Amino acid sequence: MMKMMVVEDETILREGICHVGDWASCGGEICAAASNGQEALEAIEQDKPDILVTDVVMPVMDGLELTKSVYEKYPDIRVILLSGHEEFEFVKKAMEYKACNYLLKPAKIEKLMEVVTAVREEIESERRLRNKMEQSIPIVKEHYMNQLIGGLEVDRRQIRQQFDFLGIDLDLENITVLTCELDNYLEDRMEIQLALLQLQEISQEVLGGDCQGTILNDLKDREVIVCNCPKEMNRRDFALFLQGKALRIQRQMKELTDKTVSVGISRIIPDILRLSKAYKEAEKALSYRFFMGTESIVFIGDIEREQRGNSVLVKEREESLAECIQVGDSEGTRRILPQYFEALLEYSAEGQAYIMEKLKAFVSFLERTLDIESPTDRQDIRKELGELSAALSEQEKYPTMGQVEQFVRTVLVNVSDRINADRLLRNEGIIEKAKKYIKHNLAGDVSLITVAESVFVSPNYLSFLFKENGENFKDYVVRVKMERAKEMLEEGSSTLNQVAHELGYKDGRYLSQIYKKFWGRDSGSVEVSAPQK
């Protein structure tokens, strides 16, 4: 219900308006009555009416003076004037004081009720509109500030008008931008919005009234603080002031939400028209979190463009790392990976995106060049490398170089382990085939070259596999022959010469020498038979 006050010096008229009219049906109720303007002003402060129905000609303070005072002190109160005057100048004066309606006396109560109803509807409509505007102003404010930091071209006068309309407490000179970003990667939109809301509340509390400014969220889910350098503070003191505020924001955010935040800070710009430049500086400063780690506070002025990285060194490290992975050398992979990332770190001036592209190119090279025997392992490893490459495209998941290195190390060491397992399994198969060939061809040519050809590997590689398996190739061949010689001699059905012939030796005497050297005793009582004619 709208609260109404009636101001009329004639008691009969005042009482009549208060009690005859069916104000409830108009959506109103009488909250107070007064006999003159002065009395009405005293009652307004206490009763706070929405609608004021007042006569014009009254003692002490007339209706026009009352209307003027109400307009100046209580602009939301609507005034309905009742008067016998119908001169144009009088009506014009009343309208200057924003009287919303003017009725000539004597006015019928029904007519007054119609006017009150119309005024009540107008008030309600305006309140609904005001509520909508109040609800939308934070959204409009954030949208406008995002346009400004994004490079909207407008003049200072327009900016000042918008700031005043939207209630943005920011001067147009000596401005700094801070970008604050969560270090924790979040996928759920509700969780992101909640975290940003908590961050904004903390930032507002920390900044308080210590400096003019405004806080918004940009289009990249980051908090942006735009603030003025106080006139009484020099640049050095202001930098220390901002660092202290940023540290407090970080500490309170971690204590209240267990989430960490990094902050990038721009230089002080002299004019609001360069706001987008300051925002880009704050973004660039924040991007150095990738190299400095989480919970960083980075001033753009502290970042000096570093010399471009050593491309030869990076290439050497890539080649060494690729070689280790390709042969399944997991220890070598673990050893060289930190060296590789150390070489990449020299490219920090190029930014996170550049380093991620370098890593993706290296992973793509591995996908093309890895030689894996097992079809299943080959498919799984290529899938794992493909997922690694895709993950490196999602930079927001890995805000620091350390996190990227840890993730890449986990994947590449796992790939190296699997290649090593595949290599060992393949090598075991090669050795088994070589041993089988030797055992079935003891009387023939079981030289390293011949056996290597039979299993389709190089002699050097076959020799390496036997040594890796704990016994060199020559020792294995001698051992197999001597074990077979012992078996045949113990059976007693063959002469020494026959045994020598079966094992590829020229005669029994030569076999006897090798036998004694291998077993530590001679070949026993078996005599060397003469060659059969």
Protein backbone atom coordinates (compact mmCIF):
# COMPACT_ATOMS: atom_id res chain seq x y z
CA MET A 1 0.00 0.00 0.00
CA MET A 2 1.13 3.53 -0.81
CA LYS A 3 1.41 5.84 2.20
CA MET A 4 -0.44 9.14 1.76
CA MET A 5 -0.20 12.44 3.65
CA VAL A 6 -2.92 15.10 3.44
CA VAL A 7 -1.96 18.78 4.02
CA GLU A 8 -4.93 21.17 4.28
CA ASP A 9 -5.49 24.14 6.61
CA GLU A 10 -9.31 23.76 6.59
CA THR A 11 -10.19 21.06 9.09
CA ILE A 12 -13.42 19.96 7.38
CA LEU A 13 -11.71 19.49 4.03
CA ARG A 14 -8.73 17.75 5.63
CA GLU A 15 -10.94 15.33 7.56
CA GLY A 16 -13.14 14.79 4.53
CA ILE A 17 -10.25 13.80 2.31
CA CYS A 18 -8.87 11.48 4.99
CA HIS A 19 -12.11 9.69 5.85
CA VAL A 20 -14.46 9.96 2.86
CA GLY A 21 -12.17 8.61 0.18
CA ASP A 22 -11.89 4.83 -0.25
CA TRP A 23 -8.11 4.94 -0.40
CA ALA A 24 -7.65 1.22 0.08
CA SER A 25 -9.33 0.63 -3.27
CA CYS A 26 -6.76 3.01 -4.80
CA GLY A 27 -3.92 1.05 -3.29
CA GLY A 28 -3.22 3.66 -0.63
CA GLU A 29 -3.62 4.46 3.04
CA ILE A 30 -3.53 7.73 5.02
CA CYS A 31 -0.41 7.76 7.20
CA ALA A 32 -0.54 11.41 8.41
CA ALA A 33 -2.29 14.75 8.07
CA ALA A 34 -1.05 18.33 8.59
CA SER A 35 -2.55 21.83 8.59
CA ASN A 36 0.35 23.66 6.90
CA GLY A 37 3.59 23.11 5.04
CA GLN A 38 5.87 23.48 8.04
CA GLU A 39 3.92 20.93 10.03
CA ALA A 40 3.96 18.60 7.02
CA LEU A 41 7.76 18.80 6.63
CA GLU A 42 8.19 17.84 10.28
CA ALA A 43 5.85 14.82 9.83
CA ILE A 44 7.41 13.67 6.53
CA GLU A 45 10.70 12.80 8.20
CA GLN A 46 8.92 10.40 10.54
CA ASP A 47 6.07 9.03 8.40
CA LYS A 48 7.86 8.94 5.03
CA PRO A 49 4.81 9.11 2.72
CA ASP A 50 4.87 8.08 -0.93
CA ILE A 51 2.18 10.55 -2.03
CA LEU A 52 1.58 14.06 -0.70
CA VAL A 53 -1.86 15.66 -1.31
CA THR A 54 -1.60 19.35 -0.40
CA ASP A 55 -3.55 22.57 -0.64
CA VAL A 56 -1.69 25.58 -2.04
CA VAL A 57 -2.91 28.51 0.03
CA MET A 58 -2.05 27.82 3.69
CA PRO A 59 -0.57 29.77 6.61
CA VAL A 60 3.08 29.48 7.79
CA MET A 61 4.22 27.65 4.64
CA ASP A 62 2.07 27.38 1.52
CA GLY A 63 1.77 24.41 -0.82
CA LEU A 64 4.27 25.74 -3.39
CA GLU A 65 7.01 26.23 -0.79
CA LEU A 66 6.23 22.79 0.60
CA THR A 67 6.43 21.28 -2.90
CA LYS A 68 9.79 22.98 -3.47
CA SER A 69 11.18 21.70 -0.16
CA VAL A 70 9.92 18.19 -0.79
CA TYR A 71 11.42 18.21 -4.28
CA GLU A 72 14.81 19.23 -2.88
CA LYS A 73 14.87 16.93 0.15
CA TYR A 74 12.63 14.00 -0.80
CA PRO A 75 12.64 13.74 -4.61
CA ASP A 76 10.88 10.34 -4.57
CA ILE A 77 7.68 11.73 -2.96
CA ARG A 78 4.92 12.52 -5.47
CA VAL A 79 2.95 15.74 -4.89
CA ILE A 80 -0.68 16.35 -5.89
CA LEU A 81 -1.65 20.03 -5.62
CA LEU A 82 -5.19 21.23 -4.84
CA SER A 83 -5.89 24.90 -5.58
CA GLY A 84 -8.48 27.43 -6.71
CA HIS A 85 -5.87 29.15 -8.87
CA GLU A 86 -5.91 28.33 -12.55
CA GLU A 87 -3.56 31.01 -13.82
CA PHE A 88 -0.93 29.61 -16.19
CA GLU A 89 2.03 31.11 -14.31
CA PHE A 90 0.89 29.48 -11.08
CA VAL A 91 0.52 26.08 -12.73
CA LYS A 92 3.88 26.52 -14.46
CA LYS A 93 5.55 27.26 -11.12
CA ALA A 94 4.04 24.13 -9.60
CA MET A 95 5.31 22.01 -12.47
CA GLU A 96 8.82 23.42 -12.02
CA TYR A 97 8.82 21.87 -8.56
CA LYS A 98 7.86 18.53 -10.11
CA ALA A 99 4.31 18.41 -8.82
CA CYS A 100 2.95 15.32 -10.57
CA ASN A 101 -0.65 16.58 -10.77
CA TYR A 102 -2.75 19.66 -10.26
CA LEU A 103 -6.45 19.67 -9.36
CA LEU A 104 -8.70 22.70 -9.18
CA LYS A 105 -10.88 23.16 -6.14
CA PRO A 106 -13.48 22.14 -5.43
CA ALA A 107 -12.37 18.70 -6.64
CA LYS A 108 -14.67 15.71 -6.29
CA ILE A 109 -13.32 12.92 -4.11
CA GLU A 110 -13.80 10.45 -7.00
CA LYS A 111 -11.56 12.58 -9.21
CA LEU A 112 -8.91 12.73 -6.50
CA MET A 113 -9.12 8.95 -6.13
CA GLU A 114 -8.54 8.55 -9.88
CA VAL A 115 -5.48 10.76 -9.70
CA VAL A 116 -4.11 8.90 -6.64
CA THR A 117 -4.62 5.56 -8.42
CA ALA A 118 -2.77 6.83 -11.50
CA VAL A 119 0.07 8.19 -9.36
CA ARG A 120 0.31 4.93 -7.42
CA GLU A 121 0.57 2.94 -10.67
CA GLU A 122 3.24 5.32 -11.92
CA ILE A 123 5.23 4.93 -8.70
CA GLU A 124 4.98 1.14 -8.86
CA SER A 125 6.06 1.12 -12.49
CA GLU A 126 9.06 3.31 -11.75
CA ARG A 127 10.04 1.15 -8.78
CA ARG A 128 9.91 -1.99 -10.89
CA LEU A 129 12.06 -0.30 -13.51
CA ARG A 130 14.47 0.95 -10.85
CA ASN A 131 14.77 -2.53 -9.35
CA LYS A 132 15.56 -3.96 -12.76
CA MET A 133 18.14 -1.26 -13.34
CA GLU A 134 19.72 -1.82 -9.95
CA GLN A 135 19.93 -5.53 -10.67
CA SER A 136 21.38 -4.97 -14.11
CA ILE A 137 23.81 -2.15 -13.27
CA PRO A 138 26.56 -4.54 -12.04
CA ILE A 139 26.21 -6.48 -15.31
CA VAL A 140 26.19 -3.30 -17.41
CA LYS A 141 29.14 -1.93 -15.42
CA GLU A 142 31.17 -5.10 -15.97
CA HIS A 143 30.24 -5.17 -19.66
CA TYR A 144 31.30 -1.54 -20.12
CA MET A 145 34.60 -2.04 -18.29
CA ASN A 146 35.32 -5.12 -20.42
CA GLN A 147 34.73 -2.99 -23.49
CA LEU A 148 37.19 -0.39 -22.21
CA ILE A 149 39.96 -2.85 -21.36
CA GLY A 150 39.30 -4.49 -24.70
CA GLY A 151 40.05 -1.26 -26.56
CA LEU A 152 36.68 0.50 -27.00
CA GLU A 153 37.33 3.84 -28.68
CA VAL A 154 35.47 6.62 -26.81
CA ASP A 155 36.41 10.08 -25.58
CA ARG A 156 37.01 11.09 -21.98
CA ARG A 157 33.71 12.96 -21.71
CA GLN A 158 31.71 9.86 -22.66
CA ILE A 159 33.70 7.72 -20.24
CA ARG A 160 33.11 10.19 -17.41
CA GLN A 161 29.37 10.24 -18.12
CA GLN A 162 29.18 6.43 -18.11
CA PHE A 163 31.24 6.19 -14.93
CA ASP A 164 28.91 8.65 -13.18
CA PHE A 165 25.80 6.86 -14.41
CA LEU A 166 27.06 3.39 -13.47
CA GLY A 167 28.58 4.48 -10.17
CA ILE A 168 32.16 3.58 -11.14
CA ASP A 169 34.44 5.26 -8.59
CA LEU A 170 37.49 5.82 -10.77
CA ASP A 171 39.39 8.93 -11.80
CA LEU A 172 40.53 9.20 -15.41
CA GLU A 173 44.23 9.69 -14.62
CA ASN A 174 47.04 7.67 -12.98
CA ILE A 175 45.53 4.21 -13.36
CA THR A 176 46.96 0.73 -12.75
CA VAL A 177 45.47 -2.64 -13.74
CA LEU A 178 45.88 -5.88 -11.80
CA THR A 179 44.82 -9.24 -13.25
CA CYS A 180 44.22 -12.02 -10.73
CA GLU A 181 43.82 -15.61 -11.88
CA LEU A 182 43.15 -18.84 -10.03
CA ASP A 183 46.10 -21.22 -10.13
CA ASN A 184 43.75 -24.17 -9.70
CA TYR A 185 42.30 -25.50 -12.96
CA LEU A 186 38.50 -25.81 -12.64
CA GLU A 187 36.16 -27.31 -15.24
CA ASP A 188 32.79 -26.83 -13.56
CA ARG A 189 31.31 -23.42 -14.43
CA MET A 190 29.47 -23.13 -11.13
CA GLU A 191 32.69 -23.80 -9.23
CA ILE A 192 34.52 -21.18 -11.32
CA GLN A 193 31.82 -18.58 -10.71
CA LEU A 194 31.77 -19.31 -6.98
CA ALA A 195 35.55 -19.02 -6.75
CA LEU A 196 35.52 -15.71 -8.66
CA LEU A 197 32.76 -14.39 -6.40
CA GLN A 198 34.79 -15.32 -3.33
CA LEU A 199 37.88 -13.70 -4.84
CA GLN A 200 35.96 -10.52 -5.59
CA GLU A 201 34.57 -10.30 -2.05
CA ILE A 202 38.06 -10.77 -0.61
CA SER A 203 39.55 -8.17 -2.97
CA GLN A 204 36.87 -5.63 -2.09
CA GLU A 205 37.50 -6.16 1.60
CA VAL A 206 41.29 -5.94 1.20
CA LEU A 207 41.22 -2.81 -0.97
CA GLY A 208 38.52 -1.18 1.16
CA GLY A 209 38.64 2.60 0.90
CA ASP A 210 42.42 2.76 0.58
CA CYS A 211 42.24 3.67 -3.10
CA GLN A 212 39.68 4.45 -5.75
CA GLY A 213 38.90 1.67 -8.17
CA THR A 214 36.57 -0.94 -9.53
CA ILE A 215 36.66 -4.74 -9.73
CA LEU A 216 35.33 -6.87 -12.58
CA ASN A 217 35.67 -10.29 -14.14
CA ASP A 218 37.05 -10.34 -17.66
CA LEU A 219 36.04 -12.69 -20.48
CA LYS A 220 38.79 -15.17 -19.55
CA ASP A 221 37.53 -15.97 -16.03
CA ARG A 222 40.03 -13.65 -14.36
CA GLU A 223 39.48 -10.88 -11.86
CA VAL A 224 40.57 -7.44 -13.02
CA ILE A 225 41.22 -4.62 -10.56
CA VAL A 226 41.41 -1.12 -12.05
CA CYS A 227 42.53 1.47 -9.51
CA ASN A 228 44.02 4.94 -9.16
CA CYS A 229 47.37 5.76 -7.67
CA PRO A 230 46.58 8.08 -4.73
CA LYS A 231 47.82 11.63 -5.34
CA GLU A 232 49.81 11.66 -2.11
CA MET A 233 51.70 8.44 -3.00
CA ASN A 234 54.77 8.20 -5.25
CA ARG A 235 55.22 5.33 -7.73
CA ARG A 236 57.59 3.31 -5.58
CA ASP A 237 55.32 3.49 -2.54
CA PHE A 238 52.32 2.64 -4.71
CA ALA A 239 54.10 -0.48 -6.03
CA LEU A 240 54.79 -1.58 -2.44
CA PHE A 241 51.17 -0.77 -1.56
CA LEU A 242 49.86 -2.94 -4.42
CA GLN A 243 52.23 -5.77 -3.56
CA GLY A 244 50.98 -5.74 0.02
CA LYS A 245 47.36 -5.80 -1.12
CA ALA A 246 48.06 -8.63 -3.58
CA LEU A 247 49.75 -10.67 -0.84
CA ARG A 248 46.75 -10.20 1.45
CA ILE A 249 44.36 -11.25 -1.31
CA GLN A 250 46.45 -14.36 -1.96
CA ARG A 251 46.67 -15.26 1.73
CA GLN A 252 42.98 -14.79 2.50
CA MET A 253 41.90 -16.65 -0.66
CA LYS A 254 44.07 -19.61 0.31
CA GLU A 255 42.88 -19.59 3.93
CA LEU A 256 39.18 -19.34 3.07
CA THR A 257 38.96 -21.48 -0.09
CA ASP A 258 42.22 -23.49 -0.24
CA LYS A 259 42.73 -22.04 -3.72
CA THR A 260 45.79 -20.09 -4.82
CA VAL A 261 45.94 -16.97 -6.98
CA SER A 262 48.60 -15.30 -9.12
CA VAL A 263 48.63 -11.56 -9.89
CA GLY A 264 49.99 -9.54 -12.82
CA ILE A 265 50.38 -5.76 -12.39
CA SER A 266 50.70 -3.10 -15.10
CA ARG A 267 52.58 0.18 -15.07
CA ILE A 268 50.75 3.35 -14.05
CA ILE A 269 49.14 4.89 -17.12
CA PRO A 270 48.51 8.66 -17.18
CA ASP A 271 45.16 8.54 -18.99
CA ILE A 272 42.06 6.32 -19.10
CA LEU A 273 42.29 6.24 -22.90
CA ARG A 274 45.30 3.90 -22.52
CA LEU A 275 43.43 1.48 -20.29
CA SER A 276 43.54 -1.38 -22.81
CA LYS A 277 47.34 -1.06 -22.97
CA ALA A 278 47.57 -1.35 -19.18
CA TYR A 279 45.31 -4.40 -19.26
CA LYS A 280 47.57 -6.08 -21.84
CA GLU A 281 50.59 -5.30 -19.67
CA ALA A 282 48.90 -6.91 -16.66
CA GLU A 283 48.05 -9.94 -18.82
CA LYS A 284 51.65 -10.25 -19.95
CA ALA A 285 52.92 -9.94 -16.39
CA LEU A 286 50.48 -12.64 -15.29
CA SER A 287 51.65 -14.95 -18.10
CA TYR A 288 55.06 -15.14 -16.39
CA ARG A 289 53.42 -17.31 -13.74
CA PHE A 290 54.11 -20.12 -16.23
CA PHE A 291 57.83 -19.70 -15.54
CA MET A 292 57.76 -18.41 -11.96
CA GLY A 293 55.23 -20.85 -10.52
CA THR A 294 51.92 -20.50 -8.71
CA GLU A 295 51.13 -17.72 -6.21
CA SER A 296 53.28 -15.31 -8.22
CA ILE A 297 53.01 -11.51 -8.07
CA VAL A 298 54.59 -10.09 -11.21
CA PHE A 299 55.11 -6.41 -12.07
CA ILE A 300 55.41 -5.73 -15.79
CA GLY A 301 58.26 -3.33 -15.02
CA ASP A 302 60.29 -6.18 -13.50
CA ILE A 303 60.14 -8.19 -16.72
CA GLU A 304 62.95 -7.46 -19.11
CA ARG A 305 62.90 -9.09 -22.50
CA GLU A 306 65.36 -11.94 -22.33
CA GLN A 307 67.69 -13.01 -25.09
CA ARG A 308 66.16 -15.54 -27.45
CA GLY A 309 66.86 -19.14 -26.51
CA ASN A 310 69.62 -21.32 -27.92
CA SER A 311 68.02 -23.24 -30.78
CA VAL A 312 71.08 -25.47 -31.25
CA LEU A 313 71.01 -26.52 -27.60
CA VAL A 314 67.26 -27.25 -27.74
CA LYS A 315 67.75 -29.37 -30.88
CA GLU A 316 70.59 -31.33 -29.27
CA ARG A 317 68.51 -32.01 -26.17
CA GLU A 318 65.52 -33.03 -28.30
CA GLU A 319 67.66 -35.48 -30.27
CA SER A 320 69.18 -36.98 -27.11
CA LEU A 321 65.77 -37.27 -25.48
CA ALA A 322 64.19 -38.81 -28.58
CA GLU A 323 67.01 -41.36 -28.81
CA CYS A 324 66.51 -42.40 -25.19
CA ILE A 325 62.77 -42.80 -25.65
CA GLN A 326 63.14 -44.66 -28.95
CA VAL A 327 65.39 -47.33 -27.41
CA GLY A 328 63.41 -47.50 -24.18
CA ASP A 329 66.14 -45.96 -22.00
CA SER A 330 63.94 -44.78 -19.13
CA GLU A 331 66.84 -43.66 -16.95
CA GLY A 332 68.24 -41.60 -19.82
CA THR A 333 64.78 -40.14 -20.41
CA ARG A 334 64.54 -39.08 -16.76
CA ARG A 335 68.02 -37.59 -16.86
CA ILE A 336 67.66 -35.57 -20.08
CA LEU A 337 64.09 -34.26 -19.61
CA PRO A 338 65.09 -31.62 -16.99
CA GLN A 339 67.95 -30.53 -19.27
CA TYR A 340 65.51 -30.22 -22.18
CA PHE A 341 63.10 -28.07 -20.15
CA GLU A 342 66.00 -25.97 -18.91
CA ALA A 343 66.88 -25.23 -22.57
CA LEU A 344 63.22 -24.40 -23.32
CA LEU A 345 63.12 -22.03 -20.35
CA GLU A 346 65.51 -19.73 -22.21
CA TYR A 347 62.58 -18.98 -24.52
CA SER A 348 60.51 -17.50 -21.66
CA ALA A 349 60.36 -14.13 -23.44
CA GLU A 350 58.38 -15.82 -26.22
CA GLY A 351 55.66 -16.80 -23.77
CA GLN A 352 53.79 -19.94 -22.79
CA ALA A 353 52.13 -20.53 -26.17
CA TYR A 354 55.49 -20.68 -27.97
CA ILE A 355 56.90 -23.28 -25.56
CA MET A 356 53.73 -25.37 -25.76
CA GLU A 357 54.02 -25.40 -29.57
CA LYS A 358 57.65 -26.53 -29.32
CA LEU A 359 56.60 -29.39 -27.03
CA LYS A 360 53.73 -30.39 -29.34
CA ALA A 361 56.13 -30.48 -32.31
CA PHE A 362 58.49 -32.76 -30.36
CA VAL A 363 55.66 -35.11 -29.37
CA SER A 364 54.46 -35.20 -32.99
CA PHE A 365 58.01 -36.19 -34.05
CA LEU A 366 57.96 -39.06 -31.55
CA GLU A 367 54.60 -40.26 -32.86
CA ARG A 368 56.01 -40.48 -36.40
CA THR A 369 59.35 -42.10 -35.59
CA LEU A 370 58.80 -44.61 -32.79
CA ASP A 371 59.33 -48.23 -33.88
CA ILE A 372 57.30 -50.60 -31.72
CA GLU A 373 57.07 -54.31 -32.52
CA SER A 374 53.83 -55.15 -30.71
CA PRO A 375 50.72 -53.86 -32.57
CA THR A 376 48.89 -53.43 -29.26
CA ASP A 377 51.73 -51.47 -27.65
CA ARG A 378 52.19 -49.44 -30.82
CA GLN A 379 48.53 -48.43 -30.82
CA ASP A 380 48.48 -47.67 -27.07
CA ILE A 381 51.67 -45.60 -27.16
CA ARG A 382 50.52 -43.56 -30.15
CA LYS A 383 47.22 -42.96 -28.40
CA GLU A 384 49.04 -41.82 -25.26
CA LEU A 385 51.25 -39.45 -27.25
CA GLY A 386 48.20 -38.12 -29.09
CA GLU A 387 46.47 -37.39 -25.79
CA LEU A 388 49.63 -35.63 -24.56
CA SER A 389 49.67 -33.44 -27.67
CA ALA A 390 45.97 -32.58 -27.22
CA ALA A 391 46.52 -31.74 -23.54
CA LEU A 392 49.34 -29.37 -24.43
CA SER A 393 46.81 -27.40 -26.49
CA GLU A 394 44.76 -26.74 -23.32
CA GLN A 395 47.16 -24.27 -21.76
CA GLU A 396 44.78 -23.30 -18.97
CA LYS A 397 45.14 -26.79 -17.44
CA TYR A 398 48.85 -26.28 -16.85
CA PRO A 399 49.43 -22.72 -15.60
CA THR A 400 53.11 -23.26 -14.72
CA MET A 401 56.18 -24.67 -16.48
CA GLY A 402 56.73 -27.01 -13.55
CA GLN A 403 53.28 -28.57 -13.96
CA VAL A 404 53.87 -29.03 -17.69
CA GLU A 405 57.26 -30.65 -17.05
CA GLN A 406 55.80 -33.02 -14.49
CA PHE A 407 52.98 -34.05 -16.82
CA VAL A 408 55.27 -34.50 -19.84
CA ARG A 409 57.77 -36.46 -17.73
CA THR A 410 55.07 -38.84 -16.52
CA VAL A 411 53.89 -39.59 -20.06
CA LEU A 412 57.31 -39.85 -21.76
CA VAL A 413 58.86 -41.99 -19.02
CA ASN A 414 55.84 -44.30 -19.24
CA VAL A 415 56.25 -44.47 -23.04
CA SER A 416 59.95 -45.19 -22.60
CA ASP A 417 59.18 -47.95 -20.08
CA ARG A 418 56.71 -49.56 -22.48
CA ILE A 419 59.15 -49.36 -25.39
CA ASN A 420 61.80 -50.91 -23.15
CA ALA A 421 59.42 -53.75 -22.22
CA ASP A 422 58.57 -54.24 -25.90
CA ARG A 423 62.29 -54.19 -26.79
CA LEU A 424 63.15 -56.72 -24.07
CA LEU A 425 60.36 -59.01 -25.24
CA ARG A 426 61.53 -58.70 -28.84
CA ASN A 427 65.16 -59.24 -27.84
CA GLU A 428 64.23 -62.33 -25.87
CA GLY A 429 62.61 -63.70 -28.99
CA ILE A 430 65.71 -62.96 -31.06
CA ILE A 431 67.99 -64.65 -28.51
CA GLU A 432 65.72 -67.68 -28.28
CA LYS A 433 65.72 -68.06 -32.06
CA ALA A 434 69.49 -67.65 -32.18
CA LYS A 435 69.99 -70.28 -29.47
CA LYS A 436 67.64 -72.65 -31.23
CA TYR A 437 69.56 -72.20 -34.51
CA ILE A 438 72.88 -72.86 -32.74
CA LYS A 439 71.61 -76.03 -31.06
CA HIS A 440 70.30 -77.41 -34.34
CA ASN A 441 73.45 -76.59 -36.30
CA LEU A 442 76.32 -77.55 -33.96
CA ALA A 443 78.07 -79.48 -36.75
CA GLY A 444 77.79 -76.57 -39.15
CA ASP A 445 78.61 -72.87 -39.27
CA VAL A 446 77.48 -71.22 -36.04
CA SER A 447 79.61 -68.13 -36.37
CA LEU A 448 78.25 -64.79 -35.17
CA ILE A 449 77.69 -63.61 -38.75
CA THR A 450 75.79 -66.74 -39.81
CA VAL A 451 73.58 -66.85 -36.71
CA ALA A 452 72.84 -63.10 -36.97
CA GLU A 453 71.74 -63.57 -40.58
CA SER A 454 69.40 -66.38 -39.52
CA VAL A 455 67.55 -64.08 -37.08
CA PHE A 456 67.73 -60.98 -39.33
CA VAL A 457 69.82 -58.71 -37.12
CA SER A 458 73.34 -57.35 -37.38
CA PRO A 459 76.22 -59.31 -35.82
CA ASN A 460 77.00 -56.39 -33.51
CA TYR A 461 73.42 -56.19 -32.27
CA LEU A 462 73.24 -59.96 -31.70
CA SER A 463 76.51 -59.82 -29.79
CA PHE A 464 75.08 -56.92 -27.72
CA LEU A 465 71.92 -58.91 -26.92
CA PHE A 466 73.90 -61.92 -25.71
CA LYS A 467 76.08 -59.72 -23.49
CA GLU A 468 72.98 -57.93 -22.16
CA ASN A 469 71.57 -61.38 -21.38
CA GLY A 470 74.62 -62.20 -19.22
CA GLU A 471 76.77 -64.32 -21.55
CA ASN A 472 78.69 -63.37 -24.67
CA PHE A 473 78.00 -65.14 -27.94
CA LYS A 474 81.26 -67.13 -28.18
CA ASP A 475 81.04 -68.41 -24.60
CA TYR A 476 77.46 -69.54 -25.23
CA VAL A 477 78.42 -71.53 -28.35
CA VAL A 478 81.34 -73.21 -26.54
CA ARG A 479 79.16 -74.03 -23.53
CA VAL A 480 76.43 -75.62 -25.65
CA LYS A 481 79.00 -77.69 -27.58
CA MET A 482 80.75 -78.83 -24.41
CA GLU A 483 77.48 -79.80 -22.74
CA ARG A 484 76.54 -81.82 -25.83
CA ALA A 485 80.02 -83.39 -25.93
CA LYS A 486 79.70 -84.48 -22.31
CA GLU A 487 76.29 -86.02 -22.98
CA MET A 488 77.55 -87.96 -25.99
CA LEU A 489 80.74 -89.17 -24.25
CA GLU A 490 78.83 -90.28 -21.16
CA GLU A 491 76.47 -92.27 -23.36
CA GLY A 492 79.57 -94.23 -24.57
CA SER A 493 78.26 -94.88 -28.05
CA SER A 494 80.48 -92.40 -29.87
CA THR A 495 84.21 -91.99 -30.27
CA LEU A 496 85.89 -88.69 -29.57
CA ASN A 497 86.37 -88.13 -33.29
CA GLN A 498 82.70 -88.82 -33.92
CA VAL A 499 81.74 -86.36 -31.22
CA ALA A 500 84.14 -83.80 -32.69
CA HIS A 501 82.53 -84.26 -36.09
CA GLU A 502 79.04 -83.80 -34.62
CA LEU A 503 80.11 -80.55 -32.97
CA GLY A 504 81.95 -79.02 -35.92
CA TYR A 505 85.53 -79.59 -34.72
CA LYS A 506 88.28 -80.86 -37.03
CA ASP A 507 89.27 -83.87 -34.89
CA GLY A 508 89.01 -85.46 -31.49
CA ARG A 509 92.39 -84.21 -30.32
CA TYR A 510 91.31 -80.56 -30.73
CA LEU A 511 88.00 -81.32 -29.03
CA SER A 512 89.85 -82.94 -26.13
CA GLN A 513 91.87 -79.78 -25.57
CA ILE A 514 88.77 -77.58 -25.49
CA TYR A 515 86.88 -80.12 -23.37
CA LYS A 516 89.64 -80.21 -20.73
CA LYS A 517 89.86 -76.44 -20.65
CA PHE A 518 86.08 -76.08 -20.25
CA TRP A 519 85.38 -78.88 -17.75
CA GLY A 520 88.73 -78.83 -15.94
CA ARG A 521 89.40 -82.50 -16.74
CA ASP A 522 90.13 -84.53 -19.81
CA SER A 523 87.60 -86.38 -21.86
CA GLY A 524 88.04 -89.58 -19.89
CA SER A 525 89.18 -93.04 -21.02
CA VAL A 526 87.66 -92.71 -24.45
CA GLU A 527 90.44 -93.13 -26.98
CA VAL A 528 90.83 -91.09 -30.06
CA SER A 529 89.85 -93.36 -32.88
CA ALA A 530 91.57 -93.27 -36.18
CA PRO A 531 89.61 -91.82 -39.01
CA GLN A 532 87.47 -94.42 -40.70
CA LYS A 533 88.50 -95.44 -44.17
